[in-house]
C-alpha atoms as a PDB file:
ATOM      1  CA  MET A   1      12.449 -13.502  58.115  1.00  0.00           C
ATOM      2  CA  PRO A   2      15.823 -11.665  57.988  1.00  0.00           C
ATOM      3  CA  GLU A   3      15.733  -8.280  56.264  1.00  0.00           C
ATOM      4  CA  LEU A   4      18.230  -9.375  53.643  1.00  0.00           C
ATOM      5  CA  SER A   5      16.001 -12.305  52.710  1.00  0.00           C
ATOM      6  CA  GLN A   6      12.907 -10.128  52.513  1.00  0.00           C
ATOM      7  CA  ARG A   7      14.618  -7.651  50.212  1.00  0.00           C
ATOM      8  CA  ILE A   8      16.188 -10.223  47.916  1.00  0.00           C
ATOM      9  CA  LEU A   9      13.015 -12.318  47.603  1.00  0.00           C
ATOM     10  CA  ALA A  10      10.910  -9.253  46.785  1.00  0.00           C
ATOM     11  CA  TRP A  11      13.434  -8.270  44.110  1.00  0.00           C
ATOM     12  CA  TYR A  12      13.502 -11.825  42.744  1.00  0.00           C
ATOM     13  CA  GLN A  13       9.742 -11.949  42.391  1.00  0.00           C
ATOM     14  CA  GLU A  14       9.941  -9.065  39.911  1.00  0.00           C
ATOM     15  CA  ASN A  15      13.301  -9.785  38.285  1.00  0.00           C
ATOM     16  CA  ALA A  16      13.897 -13.549  38.207  1.00  0.00           C
ATOM     17  CA  ARG A  17      15.501 -14.765  34.994  1.00  0.00           C
ATOM     18  CA  VAL A  18      13.428 -17.171  32.933  1.00  0.00           C
ATOM     19  CA  LEU A  19      15.611 -20.265  32.600  1.00  0.00           C
ATOM     20  CA  PRO A  20      14.669 -23.685  31.205  1.00  0.00           C
ATOM     21  CA  TRP A  21      15.666 -25.576  34.364  1.00  0.00           C
ATOM     22  CA  ARG A  22      13.683 -23.357  36.731  1.00  0.00           C
ATOM     23  CA  GLY A  23      10.371 -24.863  37.741  1.00  0.00           C
ATOM     24  CA  HIS A  24      11.353 -28.111  36.014  1.00  0.00           C
ATOM     25  CA  PRO A  25       9.577 -31.046  37.692  1.00  0.00           C
ATOM     26  CA  ASP A  26      12.641 -33.300  37.533  1.00  0.00           C
ATOM     27  CA  SER A  27      15.526 -32.906  39.986  1.00  0.00           C
ATOM     28  CA  TYR A  28      17.752 -34.339  37.253  1.00  0.00           C
ATOM     29  CA  ALA A  29      17.318 -31.094  35.300  1.00  0.00           C
ATOM     30  CA  VAL A  30      18.484 -29.028  38.280  1.00  0.00           C
ATOM     31  CA  TRP A  31      21.500 -31.286  38.705  1.00  0.00           C
ATOM     32  CA  VAL A  32      22.498 -31.046  35.021  1.00  0.00           C
ATOM     33  CA  SER A  33      22.098 -27.266  35.026  1.00  0.00           C
ATOM     34  CA  GLU A  34      24.211 -26.822  38.146  1.00  0.00           C
ATOM     35  CA  ILE A  35      27.036 -28.910  36.702  1.00  0.00           C
ATOM     36  CA  MET A  36      26.915 -27.072  33.373  1.00  0.00           C
ATOM     37  CA  LEU A  37      26.889 -23.682  35.100  1.00  0.00           C
ATOM     38  CA  GLN A  38      30.154 -24.343  36.918  1.00  0.00           C
ATOM     39  CA  GLN A  39      32.619 -21.844  35.405  1.00  0.00           C
ATOM     40  CA  THR A  40      30.309 -21.275  32.420  1.00  0.00           C
ATOM     41  CA  ARG A  41      27.966 -18.384  31.628  1.00  0.00           C
ATOM     42  CA  VAL A  42      24.201 -18.887  31.627  1.00  0.00           C
ATOM     43  CA  GLU A  43      23.821 -17.735  27.996  1.00  0.00           C
ATOM     44  CA  THR A  44      26.281 -20.387  26.895  1.00  0.00           C
ATOM     45  CA  VAL A  45      24.664 -23.123  28.970  1.00  0.00           C
ATOM     46  CA  ILE A  46      21.028 -22.715  27.846  1.00  0.00           C
ATOM     47  CA  PRO A  47      21.297 -24.312  24.345  1.00  0.00           C
ATOM     48  CA  TYR A  48      23.555 -27.080  25.689  1.00  0.00           C
ATOM     49  CA  PHE A  49      21.088 -27.822  28.479  1.00  0.00           C
ATOM     50  CA  GLU A  50      18.137 -27.988  26.101  1.00  0.00           C
ATOM     51  CA  ARG A  51      19.951 -30.324  23.690  1.00  0.00           C
ATOM     52  CA  TRP A  52      21.207 -32.468  26.572  1.00  0.00           C
ATOM     53  CA  MET A  53      17.722 -32.967  28.012  1.00  0.00           C
ATOM     54  CA  ARG A  54      16.412 -33.988  24.587  1.00  0.00           C
ATOM     55  CA  GLN A  55      19.256 -36.419  24.028  1.00  0.00           C
ATOM     56  CA  PHE A  56      19.428 -37.789  27.596  1.00  0.00           C
ATOM     57  CA  PRO A  57      15.929 -37.160  29.029  1.00  0.00           C
ATOM     58  CA  SER A  58      16.454 -39.164  32.225  1.00  0.00           C
ATOM     59  CA  ILE A  59      19.193 -40.330  34.557  1.00  0.00           C
ATOM     60  CA  THR A  60      18.735 -43.864  33.246  1.00  0.00           C
ATOM     61  CA  ALA A  61      19.128 -42.686  29.637  1.00  0.00           C
ATOM     62  CA  LEU A  62      22.308 -40.853  30.601  1.00  0.00           C
ATOM     63  CA  ALA A  63      23.695 -43.879  32.444  1.00  0.00           C
ATOM     64  CA  GLU A  64      23.096 -46.114  29.418  1.00  0.00           C
ATOM     65  CA  ALA A  65      24.651 -43.742  26.874  1.00  0.00           C
ATOM     66  CA  PRO A  66      28.212 -44.380  25.595  1.00  0.00           C
ATOM     67  CA  GLU A  67      30.856 -41.988  26.853  1.00  0.00           C
ATOM     68  CA  GLN A  68      31.654 -40.737  23.341  1.00  0.00           C
ATOM     69  CA  ALA A  69      28.034 -39.601  22.966  1.00  0.00           C
ATOM     70  CA  ILE A  70      28.307 -37.769  26.288  1.00  0.00           C
ATOM     71  CA  LEU A  71      31.507 -36.006  25.255  1.00  0.00           C
ATOM     72  CA  SER A  72      30.047 -35.087  21.851  1.00  0.00           C
ATOM     73  CA  ALA A  73      26.999 -33.520  23.520  1.00  0.00           C
ATOM     74  CA  TRP A  74      29.313 -31.583  25.847  1.00  0.00           C
ATOM     75  CA  GLU A  75      31.738 -30.430  23.149  1.00  0.00           C
ATOM     76  CA  GLY A  76      32.409 -26.698  23.415  1.00  0.00           C
ATOM     77  CA  LEU A  77      31.440 -26.346  27.100  1.00  0.00           C
ATOM     78  CA  GLY A  78      34.951 -27.185  28.290  1.00  0.00           C
ATOM     79  CA  TYR A  79      36.031 -28.726  31.602  1.00  0.00           C
ATOM     80  CA  TYR A  80      35.133 -32.161  30.266  1.00  0.00           C
ATOM     81  CA  SER A  81      35.611 -33.894  33.616  1.00  0.00           C
ATOM     82  CA  ARG A  82      32.189 -32.438  34.471  1.00  0.00           C
ATOM     83  CA  ALA A  83      30.585 -34.488  31.690  1.00  0.00           C
ATOM     84  CA  ARG A  84      32.461 -37.655  32.612  1.00  0.00           C
ATOM     85  CA  ASN A  85      31.494 -37.243  36.272  1.00  0.00           C
ATOM     86  CA  LEU A  86      27.837 -36.699  35.317  1.00  0.00           C
ATOM     87  CA  HIS A  87      27.987 -39.949  33.388  1.00  0.00           C
ATOM     88  CA  LYS A  88      29.629 -41.839  36.270  1.00  0.00           C
ATOM     89  CA  ALA A  89      27.198 -40.402  38.818  1.00  0.00           C
ATOM     90  CA  ALA A  90      24.204 -41.294  36.635  1.00  0.00           C
ATOM     91  CA  SER A  91      25.410 -44.904  36.596  1.00  0.00           C
ATOM     92  CA  VAL A  92      25.584 -44.891  40.398  1.00  0.00           C
ATOM     93  CA  VAL A  93      22.125 -43.332  40.743  1.00  0.00           C
ATOM     94  CA  ALA A  94      20.638 -45.796  38.236  1.00  0.00           C
ATOM     95  CA  ALA A  95      22.193 -48.776  40.004  1.00  0.00           C
ATOM     96  CA  GLU A  96      21.773 -47.766  43.657  1.00  0.00           C
ATOM     97  CA  PHE A  97      18.819 -45.365  43.764  1.00  0.00           C
ATOM     98  CA  GLY A  98      16.492 -46.652  41.067  1.00  0.00           C
ATOM     99  CA  GLY A  99      17.317 -43.790  38.736  1.00  0.00           C
ATOM    100  CA  GLN A 100      16.107 -41.138  41.209  1.00  0.00           C
ATOM    101  CA  LEU A 101      18.528 -38.561  42.561  1.00  0.00           C
ATOM    102  CA  PRO A 102      18.840 -38.934  46.361  1.00  0.00           C
ATOM    103  CA  GLN A 103      17.638 -36.017  48.448  1.00  0.00           C
ATOM    104  CA  GLU A 104      20.077 -36.260  51.350  1.00  0.00           C
ATOM    105  CA  ILE A 105      23.045 -33.904  51.050  1.00  0.00           C
ATOM    106  CA  SER A 106      25.362 -36.554  52.473  1.00  0.00           C
ATOM    107  CA  LEU A 107      24.379 -38.953  49.674  1.00  0.00           C
ATOM    108  CA  LEU A 108      24.541 -36.270  46.991  1.00  0.00           C
ATOM    109  CA  ARG A 109      28.100 -35.393  47.997  1.00  0.00           C
ATOM    110  CA  LYS A 110      29.200 -38.982  47.512  1.00  0.00           C
ATOM    111  CA  LEU A 111      28.338 -38.798  43.809  1.00  0.00           C
ATOM    112  CA  PRO A 112      31.176 -37.989  41.376  1.00  0.00           C
ATOM    113  CA  GLY A 113      31.383 -34.288  40.567  1.00  0.00           C
ATOM    114  CA  ILE A 114      29.072 -33.073  43.349  1.00  0.00           C
ATOM    115  CA  GLY A 115      30.739 -30.944  46.000  1.00  0.00           C
ATOM    116  CA  ARG A 116      29.413 -28.818  48.842  1.00  0.00           C
ATOM    117  CA  TYR A 117      28.050 -26.029  46.661  1.00  0.00           C
ATOM    118  CA  THR A 118      26.319 -28.263  44.112  1.00  0.00           C
ATOM    119  CA  ALA A 119      24.806 -30.567  46.738  1.00  0.00           C
ATOM    120  CA  ALA A 120      23.320 -27.602  48.607  1.00  0.00           C
ATOM    121  CA  ALA A 121      22.029 -26.017  45.405  1.00  0.00           C
ATOM    122  CA  ILE A 122      20.286 -29.237  44.371  1.00  0.00           C
ATOM    123  CA  ALA A 123      18.870 -29.824  47.861  1.00  0.00           C
ATOM    124  CA  SER A 124      17.422 -26.308  48.096  1.00  0.00           C
ATOM    125  CA  ILE A 125      16.214 -25.818  44.516  1.00  0.00           C
ATOM    126  CA  ALA A 126      15.054 -29.331  43.639  1.00  0.00           C
ATOM    127  CA  PHE A 127      14.006 -30.605  47.076  1.00  0.00           C
ATOM    128  CA  ASN A 128      13.065 -27.395  48.917  1.00  0.00           C
ATOM    129  CA  GLN A 129      15.451 -28.009  51.807  1.00  0.00           C
ATOM    130  CA  ASP A 130      16.455 -25.091  54.029  1.00  0.00           C
ATOM    131  CA  VAL A 131      20.132 -25.007  53.131  1.00  0.00           C
ATOM    132  CA  ALA A 132      22.337 -22.176  51.907  1.00  0.00           C
ATOM    133  CA  THR A 133      25.011 -22.368  49.270  1.00  0.00           C
ATOM    134  CA  ILE A 134      27.889 -20.229  48.039  1.00  0.00           C
ATOM    135  CA  ASP A 135      29.047 -19.861  44.447  1.00  0.00           C
ATOM    136  CA  GLY A 136      31.027 -17.033  42.862  1.00  0.00           C
ATOM    137  CA  ASN A 137      28.016 -14.740  42.644  1.00  0.00           C
ATOM    138  CA  LEU A 138      26.877 -15.321  46.219  1.00  0.00           C
ATOM    139  CA  ARG A 139      30.425 -14.976  47.496  1.00  0.00           C
ATOM    140  CA  ARG A 140      30.654 -11.551  45.906  1.00  0.00           C
ATOM    141  CA  VAL A 141      27.267 -10.407  47.248  1.00  0.00           C
ATOM    142  CA  PHE A 142      27.941 -11.436  50.852  1.00  0.00           C
ATOM    143  CA  ALA A 143      31.521 -10.135  50.805  1.00  0.00           C
ATOM    144  CA  ARG A 144      30.186  -6.717  49.786  1.00  0.00           C
ATOM    145  CA  VAL A 145      27.035  -6.537  51.878  1.00  0.00           C
ATOM    146  CA  PHE A 146      28.960  -7.466  55.047  1.00  0.00           C
ATOM    147  CA  ASP A 147      32.325  -5.953  54.022  1.00  0.00           C
ATOM    148  CA  VAL A 148      34.247  -9.195  54.488  1.00  0.00           C
ATOM    149  CA  SER A 149      37.948  -8.313  54.385  1.00  0.00           C
ATOM    150  CA  LEU A 150      39.202 -11.874  54.791  1.00  0.00           C
ATOM    151  CA  PRO A 151      40.273 -13.516  51.504  1.00  0.00           C
ATOM    152  CA  ALA A 152      37.149 -15.206  50.139  1.00  0.00           C
ATOM    153  CA  ASP A 153      39.170 -17.996  48.529  1.00  0.00           C
ATOM    154  CA  MET A 154      40.943 -18.975  51.763  1.00  0.00           C
ATOM    155  CA  PRO A 155      39.431 -21.289  54.443  1.00  0.00           C
ATOM    156  CA  GLU A 156      38.737 -18.611  57.059  1.00  0.00           C
ATOM    157  CA  GLY A 157      37.078 -16.221  54.617  1.00  0.00           C
ATOM    158  CA  GLU A 158      35.135 -19.019  52.944  1.00  0.00           C
ATOM    159  CA  LYS A 159      33.800 -20.180  56.318  1.00  0.00           C
ATOM    160  CA  MET A 160      32.638 -16.663  57.173  1.00  0.00           C
ATOM    161  CA  LEU A 161      30.752 -16.350  53.883  1.00  0.00           C
ATOM    162  CA  TRP A 162      29.050 -19.737  54.309  1.00  0.00           C
ATOM    163  CA  ASP A 163      28.055 -18.747  57.854  1.00  0.00           C
ATOM    164  CA  LEU A 164      26.540 -15.489  56.601  1.00  0.00           C
ATOM    165  CA  ALA A 165      24.634 -17.283  53.845  1.00  0.00           C
ATOM    166  CA  GLU A 166      23.263 -19.849  56.311  1.00  0.00           C
ATOM    167  CA  LYS A 167      22.315 -17.184  58.858  1.00  0.00           C
ATOM    168  CA  HIS A 168      19.951 -15.477  56.390  1.00  0.00           C
ATOM    169  CA  VAL A 169      18.191 -18.520  54.881  1.00  0.00           C
ATOM    170  CA  PRO A 170      14.396 -17.909  54.982  1.00  0.00           C
ATOM    171  CA  ALA A 171      12.506 -20.974  56.188  1.00  0.00           C
ATOM    172  CA  GLY A 172      10.768 -22.720  53.298  1.00  0.00           C
ATOM    173  CA  ARG A 173      12.279 -20.392  50.672  1.00  0.00           C
ATOM    174  CA  ALA A 174      15.900 -21.482  50.424  1.00  0.00           C
ATOM    175  CA  GLY A 175      15.643 -22.407  46.745  1.00  0.00           C
ATOM    176  CA  ASP A 176      14.317 -18.979  45.761  1.00  0.00           C
ATOM    177  CA  TYR A 177      16.777 -17.288  48.148  1.00  0.00           C
ATOM    178  CA  ASN A 178      19.791 -19.004  46.591  1.00  0.00           C
ATOM    179  CA  GLN A 179      18.601 -18.395  43.034  1.00  0.00           C
ATOM    180  CA  ALA A 180      17.772 -14.760  43.831  1.00  0.00           C
ATOM    181  CA  LEU A 181      21.305 -14.171  45.062  1.00  0.00           C
ATOM    182  CA  MET A 182      22.713 -15.908  41.967  1.00  0.00           C
ATOM    183  CA  ASP A 183      20.643 -13.610  39.736  1.00  0.00           C
ATOM    184  CA  LEU A 184      21.615 -10.533  41.729  1.00  0.00           C
ATOM    185  CA  GLY A 185      25.297 -11.361  41.362  1.00  0.00           C
ATOM    186  CA  ALA A 186      24.894 -12.010  37.633  1.00  0.00           C
ATOM    187  CA  ALA A 187      22.827  -8.915  36.814  1.00  0.00           C
ATOM    188  CA  ILE A 188      23.513  -6.230  39.465  1.00  0.00           C
ATOM    189  CA  CYS A 189      26.364  -7.038  41.846  1.00  0.00           C
ATOM    190  CA  LEU A 190      28.843  -7.391  38.986  1.00  0.00           C
ATOM    191  CA  PRO A 191      32.553  -8.121  39.470  1.00  0.00           C
ATOM    192  CA  ARG A 192      33.399  -4.713  37.974  1.00  0.00           C
ATOM    193  CA  ASN A 193      31.255  -1.591  38.000  1.00  0.00           C
ATOM    194  CA  PRO A 194      28.390  -3.041  40.085  1.00  0.00           C
ATOM    195  CA  LEU A 195      25.006  -1.395  39.505  1.00  0.00           C
ATOM    196  CA  CYS A 196      24.610  -0.340  43.126  1.00  0.00           C
ATOM    197  CA  LEU A 197      21.796   2.144  42.474  1.00  0.00           C
ATOM    198  CA  LEU A 198      19.619  -0.723  41.206  1.00  0.00           C
ATOM    199  CA  CYS A 199      20.475  -3.131  44.009  1.00  0.00           C
ATOM    200  CA  PRO A 200      17.785  -4.074  46.556  1.00  0.00           C
ATOM    201  CA  LEU A 201      20.538  -4.517  49.156  1.00  0.00           C
ATOM    202  CA  SER A 202      22.277  -1.179  48.549  1.00  0.00           C
ATOM    203  CA  GLU A 203      21.056   0.368  51.813  1.00  0.00           C
ATOM    204  CA  MET A 204      22.447  -2.611  53.740  1.00  0.00           C
ATOM    205  CA  CYS A 205      25.727  -2.842  51.854  1.00  0.00           C
ATOM    206  CA  GLN A 206      28.598  -2.088  54.205  1.00  0.00           C
ATOM    207  CA  ALA A 207      31.246  -2.131  51.486  1.00  0.00           C
ATOM    208  CA  ARG A 208      29.299   0.412  49.447  1.00  0.00           C
ATOM    209  CA  ALA A 209      28.928   2.671  52.465  1.00  0.00           C
ATOM    210  CA  LEU A 210      32.715   2.661  52.768  1.00  0.00           C
ATOM    211  CA  GLY A 211      33.305   2.989  49.036  1.00  0.00           C
ATOM    212  CA  LEU A 212      34.943  -0.453  48.983  1.00  0.00           C
ATOM    213  CA  GLN A 213      32.538  -2.395  46.761  1.00  0.00           C
ATOM    214  CA  GLU A 214      35.148  -2.650  43.976  1.00  0.00           C
ATOM    215  CA  GLN A 215      37.651  -4.112  46.483  1.00  0.00           C
ATOM    216  CA  ARG A 216      35.341  -6.923  47.614  1.00  0.00           C
ATOM    217  CA  PRO A 217      35.636  -9.827  47.629  1.00  0.00           C
ATOM    218  CA  VAL A 218      39.275  -9.926  48.637  1.00  0.00           C
ATOM    219  CA  LEU A 219      41.088 -12.707  46.770  1.00  0.00           C
ATOM    220  CA  LYS A 220      44.587 -14.091  47.129  1.00  0.00           C
ATOM    221  CA  PRO A 221      46.986 -12.925  44.382  1.00  0.00           C
ATOM    222  CA  LYS A 222      46.876 -14.979  41.198  1.00  0.00           C
ATOM    223  CA  ALA A 223      49.994 -16.682  39.942  1.00  0.00           C
ATOM    224  CA  ALA A 224      51.323 -15.687  36.534  1.00  0.00           C
ATOM    225  CA  VAL A 225      49.707 -17.692  33.729  1.00  0.00           C
ATOM    226  CA  PRO A 226      52.296 -19.486  31.572  1.00  0.00           C
ATOM    227  CA  HIS A 227      52.087 -19.609  27.794  1.00  0.00           C
ATOM    228  CA  LYS A 228      52.676 -22.795  25.806  1.00  0.00           C
ATOM    229  CA  LEU A 229      53.474 -23.437  22.157  1.00  0.00           C
ATOM    230  CA  LYS A 230      52.307 -26.700  20.606  1.00  0.00           C
ATOM    231  CA  LEU A 231      52.835 -28.046  17.126  1.00  0.00           C
ATOM    232  CA  ALA A 232      50.209 -30.301  15.555  1.00  0.00           C
ATOM    233  CA  ALA A 233      50.677 -32.705  12.673  1.00  0.00           C
ATOM    234  CA  VAL A 234      47.655 -32.890  10.364  1.00  0.00           C
ATOM    235  CA  ILE A 235      48.543 -36.129   8.581  1.00  0.00           C
ATOM    236  CA  VAL A 236      46.385 -36.663   5.523  1.00  0.00           C
ATOM    237  CA  ARG A 237      46.012 -39.833   3.454  1.00  0.00           C
ATOM    238  CA  ASP A 238      43.559 -39.725   0.566  1.00  0.00           C
ATOM    239  CA  GLU A 239      40.381 -38.271   2.143  1.00  0.00           C
ATOM    240  CA  THR A 240      41.252 -39.294   5.701  1.00  0.00           C
ATOM    241  CA  VAL A 241      43.253 -37.765   8.544  1.00  0.00           C
ATOM    242  CA  LEU A 242      45.043 -39.374  11.487  1.00  0.00           C
ATOM    243  CA  LEU A 243      43.556 -38.730  14.942  1.00  0.00           C
ATOM    244  CA  ILE A 244      44.533 -40.000  18.360  1.00  0.00           C
ATOM    245  CA  GLN A 245      42.277 -40.358  21.412  1.00  0.00           C
ATOM    246  CA  ARG A 246      43.490 -38.699  24.611  1.00  0.00           C
ATOM    247  CA  PRO A 247      43.728 -40.742  27.825  1.00  0.00           C
ATOM    248  CA  ALA A 248      40.465 -40.939  29.800  1.00  0.00           C
ATOM    249  CA  LYS A 249      41.904 -38.995  32.741  1.00  0.00           C
ATOM    250  CA  GLY A 250      43.303 -35.494  32.679  1.00  0.00           C
ATOM    251  CA  LEU A 251      42.757 -32.419  30.516  1.00  0.00           C
ATOM    252  CA  LEU A 252      40.305 -33.090  27.650  1.00  0.00           C
ATOM    253  CA  GLY A 253      40.151 -36.740  28.706  1.00  0.00           C
ATOM    254  CA  GLY A 254      38.628 -39.095  26.129  1.00  0.00           C
ATOM    255  CA  LEU A 255      38.523 -36.483  23.356  1.00  0.00           C
ATOM    256  CA  TRP A 256      40.141 -36.855  19.933  1.00  0.00           C
ATOM    257  CA  GLU A 257      42.943 -34.680  18.632  1.00  0.00           C
ATOM    258  CA  PHE A 258      45.587 -34.308  15.971  1.00  0.00           C
ATOM    259  CA  PRO A 259      48.989 -35.582  17.097  1.00  0.00           C
ATOM    260  CA  SER A 260      50.615 -32.613  18.839  1.00  0.00           C
ATOM    261  CA  ALA A 261      53.331 -31.789  21.325  1.00  0.00           C
ATOM    262  CA  GLU A 262      54.914 -28.812  23.054  1.00  0.00           C
ATOM    263  CA  ALA A 263      57.831 -27.185  21.289  1.00  0.00           C
ATOM    264  CA  SER A 264      60.201 -24.269  21.806  1.00  0.00           C
ATOM    265  CA  ALA A 265      59.929 -23.002  18.229  1.00  0.00           C
ATOM    266  CA  ASP A 266      57.439 -23.119  15.367  1.00  0.00           C
ATOM    267  CA  SER A 267      59.329 -24.741  12.513  1.00  0.00           C
ATOM    268  CA  ALA A 268      59.222 -27.812  10.311  1.00  0.00           C
ATOM    269  CA  GLU A 269      62.324 -29.175  12.033  1.00  0.00           C
ATOM    270  CA  ALA A 270      60.805 -28.728  15.490  1.00  0.00           C
ATOM    271  CA  LEU A 271      57.579 -30.412  14.373  1.00  0.00           C
ATOM    272  CA  VAL A 272      59.397 -33.484  13.044  1.00  0.00           C
ATOM    273  CA  ALA A 273      61.382 -33.803  16.277  1.00  0.00           C
ATOM    274  CA  VAL A 274      58.551 -33.416  18.801  1.00  0.00           C
ATOM    275  CA  ILE A 275      56.090 -35.655  16.947  1.00  0.00           C
ATOM    276  CA  GLU A 276      58.646 -38.437  16.639  1.00  0.00           C
ATOM    277  CA  THR A 277      59.563 -38.098  20.334  1.00  0.00           C
ATOM    278  CA  GLU A 278      55.959 -37.987  21.542  1.00  0.00           C
ATOM    279  CA  TYR A 279      54.359 -40.598  19.274  1.00  0.00           C
ATOM    280  CA  ARG A 280      57.127 -42.448  17.427  1.00  0.00           C
ATOM    281  CA  LEU A 281      55.647 -41.056  14.220  1.00  0.00           C
ATOM    282  CA  LYS A 282      57.916 -39.903  11.416  1.00  0.00           C
ATOM    283  CA  VAL A 283      56.287 -37.127   9.422  1.00  0.00           C
ATOM    284  CA  SER A 284      57.252 -34.934   6.504  1.00  0.00           C
ATOM    285  CA  PRO A 285      55.839 -31.400   6.868  1.00  0.00           C
ATOM    286  CA  VAL A 286      54.265 -30.031   3.685  1.00  0.00           C
ATOM    287  CA  ALA A 287      53.141 -26.538   4.728  1.00  0.00           C
ATOM    288  CA  PRO A 288      51.776 -24.539   7.687  1.00  0.00           C
ATOM    289  CA  LEU A 289      47.999 -24.924   7.848  1.00  0.00           C
ATOM    290  CA  THR A 290      46.601 -22.680  10.592  1.00  0.00           C
ATOM    291  CA  GLU A 291      47.374 -21.219  14.011  1.00  0.00           C
ATOM    292  CA  VAL A 292      44.910 -21.376  16.908  1.00  0.00           C
ATOM    293  CA  ARG A 293      45.091 -19.486  20.202  1.00  0.00           C
ATOM    294  CA  HIS A 294      43.180 -20.539  23.311  1.00  0.00           C
ATOM    295  CA  ALA A 295      43.129 -19.769  27.036  1.00  0.00           C
ATOM    296  CA  TYR A 296      42.752 -22.596  29.544  1.00  0.00           C
ATOM    297  CA  THR A 297      42.354 -22.124  33.298  1.00  0.00           C
ATOM    298  CA  HIS A 298      46.035 -22.475  34.142  1.00  0.00           C
ATOM    299  CA  PHE A 299      47.795 -21.567  30.889  1.00  0.00           C
ATOM    300  CA  THR A 300      47.368 -19.977  27.480  1.00  0.00           C
ATOM    301  CA  LEU A 301      48.148 -21.829  24.276  1.00  0.00           C
ATOM    302  CA  THR A 302      49.227 -21.166  20.735  1.00  0.00           C
ATOM    303  CA  GLU A 303      48.914 -24.271  18.572  1.00  0.00           C
ATOM    304  CA  SER A 304      50.417 -24.262  15.094  1.00  0.00           C
ATOM    305  CA  ALA A 305      49.042 -26.950  12.783  1.00  0.00           C
ATOM    306  CA  TRP A 306      51.066 -28.242   9.847  1.00  0.00           C
ATOM    307  CA  ARG A 307      49.855 -30.298   6.894  1.00  0.00           C
ATOM    308  CA  CYS A 308      52.049 -33.411   6.875  1.00  0.00           C
ATOM    309  CA  ASP A 309      52.682 -36.650   5.048  1.00  0.00           C
ATOM    310  CA  LEU A 310      53.298 -39.807   7.051  1.00  0.00           C
ATOM    311  CA  VAL A 311      56.704 -41.409   6.611  1.00  0.00           C
ATOM    312  CA  GLU A 312      56.471 -44.116   9.281  1.00  0.00           C
ATOM    313  CA  LYS A 313      53.884 -44.968  11.938  1.00  0.00           C
ATOM    314  CA  THR A 314      54.095 -47.088  15.060  1.00  0.00           C
ATOM    315  CA  GLU A 315      51.203 -49.424  15.898  1.00  0.00           C
ATOM    316  CA  ASN A 316      48.903 -47.823  18.458  1.00  0.00           C
ATOM    317  CA  GLU A 317      45.199 -48.597  18.849  1.00  0.00           C
ATOM    318  CA  SER A 318      44.590 -45.008  19.998  1.00  0.00           C
ATOM    319  CA  PHE A 319      45.294 -43.855  16.410  1.00  0.00           C
ATOM    320  CA  GLN A 320      42.544 -43.938  13.807  1.00  0.00           C
ATOM    321  CA  TRP A 321      42.257 -42.801  10.217  1.00  0.00           C
ATOM    322  CA  ILE A 322      39.075 -40.724  10.046  1.00  0.00           C
ATOM    323  CA  ALA A 323      37.301 -39.576   6.886  1.00  0.00           C
ATOM    324  CA  PHE A 324      37.004 -35.796   6.586  1.00  0.00           C
ATOM    325  CA  ALA A 325      33.219 -36.155   6.433  1.00  0.00           C
ATOM    326  CA  GLU A 326      33.200 -38.060   9.746  1.00  0.00           C
ATOM    327  CA  LEU A 327      35.238 -35.594  11.836  1.00  0.00           C
ATOM    328  CA  GLY A 328      32.082 -34.082  13.320  1.00  0.00           C
ATOM    329  CA  ASN A 329      31.262 -37.437  14.927  1.00  0.00           C
ATOM    330  CA  PHE A 330      34.433 -37.436  17.021  1.00  0.00           C
ATOM    331  CA  PRO A 331      34.346 -35.180  20.115  1.00  0.00           C
ATOM    332  CA  MET A 332      37.224 -32.680  20.206  1.00  0.00           C
ATOM    333  CA  GLY A 333      38.407 -29.748  22.250  1.00  0.00           C
ATOM    334  CA  LYS A 334      38.027 -26.237  20.814  1.00  0.00           C
ATOM    335  CA  VAL A 335      41.547 -26.028  19.410  1.00  0.00           C
ATOM    336  CA  ASP A 336      41.356 -29.291  17.478  1.00  0.00           C
ATOM    337  CA  ARG A 337      37.823 -28.558  16.317  1.00  0.00           C
ATOM    338  CA  GLN A 338      39.023 -25.306  14.761  1.00  0.00           C
ATOM    339  CA  ILE A 339      41.788 -27.188  12.957  1.00  0.00           C
ATOM    340  CA  ALA A 340      39.258 -29.787  11.792  1.00  0.00           C
ATOM    341  CA  ARG A 341      37.044 -27.058  10.345  1.00  0.00           C
ATOM    342  CA  VAL A 342      39.971 -25.698   8.373  1.00  0.00           C
ATOM    343  CA  ILE A 343      40.772 -29.021   6.709  1.00  0.00           C
ATOM    344  CA  SER A 344      37.099 -29.853   6.131  1.00  0.00           C
ATOM    345  CA  SER A 345      36.229 -26.554   4.469  1.00  0.00           C
END
């Protein structure tokens, strides 16, 4: 067994995190956890995972559930395409594989939402196959231990890191090996100020020996993140409010929101103009209601919500009048949910 594997497995035996999907007898649980953990912290995922498994205890149950129930269960985790792809993939598995997740990596990768990393993680953790994987934590560990100076988010650097991960897979222990490296990256080999003195790989770490651990992994420069201003019309009639459902594809697909549009200024005049242009709705602003700030992957957002009266409305089946008391039953993104809480309080 390679020395790196010996060291990391010995450390893992004493320091493995206790997580609800570890040791779970159902490969479905591993799959759900891996999808939820994409770009989301473990502490955030745990309560969502536990609720999800109670609500959708099997692949068949997930496949049969309506999409709105899926999106409601996912609300707050973000990156909603993950939930929609889980739903689509569950339908495929239920129809083509009898509700049992296939074990072959080639078949796993054909399922919506499962790429190279996720397929390898499922194969090693759920099915004990001798395959390596690379996520953000493992990328950082290998880039430091082997002082990889190639950009880790470019094809050549990515290939080198996958090769290193595969080279050190211990036969029969790939699942523990991959999870050990994930835990090490999360707890010790941190993006900033890594805890090198506590690391079981510190004596092997080439970047540390050169004092370069803070400079690894090398990543290509990030583009500037643009900022957007949106104005939202909170149109109230009696004890109801007007919502519109977003298109199924794209950002926040299938979720519900208050009519909103980008604007160059936060004013009543700007609100009237952009809402009429975007939705063919004529509104009369009453007063500013609240302002919400949020950061997405590719931009930051300030959304200013205004309490409005409706002057004229075009017919559109995507619009619905929703009772204040029912707003919790309609899945929303974080920005619109914050606005909904303000008007429901």
